[in-house]
């Protein structure tokens, strides 16, 4: 009886389309994983602990680190360690606002100075830290203690740093004190008006927007 030949094992042929499909699935899975990880990644970004006005020198004590998801916008905001000498604010930053790098600079980049002024009129409710005001001055007439000249704009676009509550009943009815950031070129005029006992008033031009 003749012996039948042993059949050769069949080779499995792998369809190239299956290999390509597996590669695409793996690549898609890795891509989705990377995107999810990047969306869930947070960076400690600094927020302003209070209103920060142009010209103010700030340190880590004026900032609150907050983990947020910024994604591609991360390089636009202040992160990482705060230098020992701090920063100088170049434009007003509202309380709680994330601090943009574009609003920070060196002391030489800011041409403003801080002055404290006693106002002859009560402050309106719109004059708050961060508000922009025009400072008006009515000079005292020569030889008179009660007559004043026509008021003129002494400083245009000053920024309110803080308001100082008056002390005593008489002062409360007559004046309020404010700390202002004014251009350095206007400092002499402000000090001259104060020294000359001029009647000084502040008129709000704009105020911070709060939600």
Protein backbone atom coordinates (compact mmCIF):
# COMPACT_ATOMS: atom_id res chain seq x y z
CA UNK A 1 0.00 0.00 0.00
CA UNK A 2 1.49 3.32 -1.11
CA UNK A 3 2.09 5.96 1.53
CA UNK A 4 0.43 9.30 0.85
CA UNK A 5 2.76 12.32 0.98
CA UNK A 6 2.49 14.48 4.08
CA UNK A 7 0.85 17.80 3.16
CA UNK A 8 3.05 20.86 3.67
CA UNK A 9 1.86 23.37 6.29
CA UNK A 10 0.04 26.34 4.78
CA UNK A 11 1.74 29.68 5.16
CA UNK A 12 -0.36 32.38 6.70
CA UNK A 13 -0.31 35.44 4.51
CA UNK A 14 -0.75 38.68 6.49
CA UNK A 15 -2.82 41.19 4.64
CA UNK A 16 -0.86 44.49 4.42
CA UNK A 17 -4.11 46.35 4.95
CA UNK A 18 -4.45 44.76 8.38
CA UNK A 19 -0.90 45.83 9.33
CA UNK A 20 -1.58 49.36 8.14
CA UNK A 21 -4.83 49.44 10.11
CA UNK A 22 -3.09 48.32 13.30
CA UNK A 23 -0.41 50.98 12.85
CA UNK A 24 -3.02 53.69 12.34
CA UNK A 25 -4.99 52.59 15.42
CA UNK A 26 -1.84 52.61 17.56
CA UNK A 27 -0.80 56.04 16.27
CA UNK A 28 -4.29 57.43 16.86
CA UNK A 29 -4.35 56.05 20.41
CA UNK A 30 -0.97 57.60 21.21
CA UNK A 31 -2.06 60.93 19.72
CA UNK A 32 -5.27 61.07 21.74
CA UNK A 33 -3.37 60.16 24.89
CA UNK A 34 -0.85 62.96 24.27
CA UNK A 35 -3.63 65.50 23.66
CA UNK A 36 -5.50 64.49 26.82
CA UNK A 37 -2.33 64.72 28.87
CA UNK A 38 -1.53 68.16 27.49
CA UNK A 39 -5.07 69.40 28.22
CA UNK A 40 -4.91 68.10 31.77
CA UNK A 41 -1.46 69.60 32.43
CA UNK A 42 -1.60 72.65 34.68
CA UNK A 43 0.98 75.36 35.22
CA UNK A 44 1.33 77.53 38.34
CA UNK A 45 0.50 81.01 37.03
CA UNK A 46 0.54 84.13 39.18
CA UNK A 47 -2.57 86.22 39.82
CA UNK A 48 -2.60 89.71 41.30
CA UNK A 49 -3.45 89.59 45.02
CA UNK A 50 -4.84 93.13 44.70
CA UNK A 51 -5.01 95.95 42.15
CA UNK A 52 -1.56 96.61 40.65
CA UNK A 53 -1.07 100.00 39.03
CA UNK A 54 1.55 101.23 36.59
CA UNK A 55 4.81 102.07 38.31
CA UNK A 56 4.18 99.86 41.35
CA UNK A 57 7.10 97.71 42.48
CA UNK A 58 5.83 94.21 43.27
CA UNK A 59 7.29 91.09 44.85
CA UNK A 60 6.09 87.54 45.47
CA UNK A 61 3.96 88.86 48.37
CA UNK A 62 1.77 90.73 45.85
CA UNK A 63 1.11 87.59 43.77
CA UNK A 64 -0.94 84.44 44.28
CA UNK A 65 0.23 81.26 42.47
CA UNK A 66 -2.72 79.45 40.90
CA UNK A 67 -2.61 76.20 38.87
CA UNK A 68 -4.39 76.74 35.55
CA UNK A 69 -4.55 75.11 32.12
CA UNK A 70 -3.12 77.56 29.62
CA UNK A 71 -1.90 75.34 26.80
CA UNK A 72 -0.24 77.38 24.02
CA UNK A 73 -0.84 80.63 26.00
CA UNK A 74 1.49 79.53 28.80
CA UNK A 75 4.51 81.64 27.64
CA UNK A 76 2.39 84.82 27.80
CA UNK A 77 1.94 84.83 31.59
CA UNK A 78 4.18 85.06 34.63
CA UNK A 79 5.27 81.64 35.91
CA UNK A 80 8.21 80.23 37.82
CA UNK A 81 10.20 81.82 40.66
CA UNK A 82 9.81 85.55 41.28
CA UNK A 83 13.19 87.37 41.41
CA UNK A 84 14.28 88.78 44.75
CA UNK A 85 14.13 92.34 43.39
CA UNK A 86 10.62 91.74 42.01
CA UNK A 87 9.10 93.52 39.03
CA UNK A 88 7.70 96.91 38.08
CA UNK A 89 4.16 97.07 36.70
CA UNK A 90 3.86 98.92 33.40
CA UNK A 91 0.06 98.94 33.15
CA UNK A 92 -2.83 98.43 35.56
CA UNK A 93 -3.60 94.81 36.48
CA UNK A 94 -6.93 94.13 38.18
CA UNK A 95 -7.15 92.11 41.40
CA UNK A 96 -7.36 88.40 40.59
CA UNK A 97 -6.18 88.87 37.01
CA UNK A 98 -3.47 86.55 35.69
CA UNK A 99 -0.29 88.58 35.38
CA UNK A 100 0.83 88.90 31.74
CA UNK A 101 4.53 89.27 31.05
CA UNK A 102 3.68 92.22 28.79
CA UNK A 103 2.57 94.18 31.88
CA UNK A 104 5.91 93.82 33.68
CA UNK A 105 9.18 95.62 33.20
CA UNK A 106 12.23 97.11 34.87
CA UNK A 107 12.23 100.34 36.86
CA UNK A 108 13.95 102.18 34.02
CA UNK A 109 11.05 101.33 31.70
CA UNK A 110 8.48 103.22 33.78
CA UNK A 111 8.37 107.01 33.71
CA UNK A 112 5.92 107.60 36.56
CA UNK A 113 6.16 108.55 40.22
CA UNK A 114 3.89 108.20 43.23
CA UNK A 115 2.53 111.28 45.04
CA UNK A 116 0.05 111.68 47.89
CA UNK A 117 -2.46 114.50 47.44
CA UNK A 118 -5.11 115.97 49.74
CA UNK A 119 -8.25 116.65 47.74
CA UNK A 120 -10.54 119.58 48.51
CA UNK A 121 -13.66 117.65 47.52
CA UNK A 122 -15.13 114.32 48.49
CA UNK A 123 -14.18 111.35 46.34
CA UNK A 124 -16.83 109.86 44.09
CA UNK A 125 -17.54 106.15 44.28
CA UNK A 126 -15.90 105.64 40.88
CA UNK A 127 -12.48 106.67 42.20
CA UNK A 128 -11.02 103.37 43.38
CA UNK A 129 -7.56 101.75 43.13
CA UNK A 130 -6.75 101.27 39.47
CA UNK A 131 -9.04 104.07 38.26
CA UNK A 132 -7.69 106.71 35.86
CA UNK A 133 -8.39 110.32 36.84
CA UNK A 134 -7.73 113.86 35.71
CA UNK A 135 -6.34 116.05 38.48
CA UNK A 136 -7.73 119.61 38.52
CA UNK A 137 -6.23 122.53 40.42
CA UNK A 138 -7.70 125.94 41.31
CA UNK A 139 -4.81 128.17 42.47
CA UNK A 140 -5.29 130.43 45.45
CA UNK A 141 -5.45 134.10 44.52
CA UNK A 142 -2.57 136.24 45.73
CA UNK A 143 -3.27 137.84 49.09
CA UNK A 144 -6.48 135.89 49.68
CA UNK A 145 -7.21 132.87 51.84
CA UNK A 146 -10.71 132.25 50.52
CA UNK A 147 -10.63 133.13 46.81
CA UNK A 148 -9.32 130.87 44.08
CA UNK A 149 -8.71 131.17 40.37
CA UNK A 150 -10.33 129.16 37.61
CA UNK A 151 -9.56 125.44 37.81
CA UNK A 152 -7.28 123.91 35.19
CA UNK A 153 -6.18 120.35 34.47
CA UNK A 154 -3.01 119.77 36.43
CA UNK A 155 -2.42 116.12 35.42
CA UNK A 156 -4.25 114.18 32.75
CA UNK A 157 -4.54 110.41 33.08
CA UNK A 158 -3.17 109.82 36.59
CA UNK A 159 -3.75 106.38 38.11
CA UNK A 160 -5.18 105.90 41.60
CA UNK A 161 -2.96 103.68 43.74
CA UNK A 162 -5.07 103.85 46.89
CA UNK A 163 -7.46 106.08 48.77
CA UNK A 164 -6.65 107.12 52.33
CA UNK A 165 -9.56 107.57 54.70
CA UNK A 166 -9.67 111.03 56.32
CA UNK A 167 -9.23 111.31 60.06
CA UNK A 168 -11.70 113.27 62.18
CA UNK A 169 -15.17 114.69 61.56
CA UNK A 170 -14.00 118.02 60.12
CA UNK A 171 -11.58 116.44 57.67
CA UNK A 172 -14.12 113.82 56.65
CA UNK A 173 -16.46 116.59 55.52
CA UNK A 174 -13.80 118.53 53.65
CA UNK A 175 -11.31 116.30 51.92
CA UNK A 176 -9.96 112.90 51.09
CA UNK A 177 -6.41 111.83 50.47
CA UNK A 178 -5.29 109.74 47.52
CA UNK A 179 -2.03 108.25 46.35
CA UNK A 180 -1.58 108.77 42.63
CA UNK A 181 0.80 107.57 39.96
CA UNK A 182 1.63 110.56 37.75
CA UNK A 183 4.14 111.12 34.93
CA UNK A 184 7.47 112.26 36.36
CA UNK A 185 7.25 115.41 34.28
CA UNK A 186 4.10 116.45 36.21
CA UNK A 187 5.45 115.82 39.71
CA UNK A 188 6.83 119.35 40.12
CA UNK A 189 3.51 120.94 39.13
CA UNK A 190 1.62 118.74 41.60
CA UNK A 191 3.99 119.55 44.46
CA UNK A 192 3.81 123.26 43.62
CA UNK A 193 0.00 123.18 43.75
CA UNK A 194 0.09 121.37 47.08
CA UNK A 195 2.62 123.83 48.52
CA UNK A 196 0.51 126.77 47.29
CA UNK A 197 -2.62 125.45 49.05
CA UNK A 198 -4.51 125.16 45.76
CA UNK A 199 -7.90 123.45 45.72
CA UNK A 200 -7.22 120.08 44.11
CA UNK A 201 -9.88 117.73 42.78
CA UNK A 202 -9.85 114.37 41.00
CA UNK A 203 -12.31 113.56 38.21
CA UNK A 204 -12.65 109.93 37.12
CA UNK A 205 -11.85 109.23 33.47
CA UNK A 206 -12.21 105.47 33.63
CA UNK A 207 -12.42 102.80 36.28
CA UNK A 208 -11.54 99.10 36.50
CA UNK A 209 -14.13 96.67 35.17
CA UNK A 210 -15.23 94.04 37.69
CA UNK A 211 -17.38 91.01 36.98
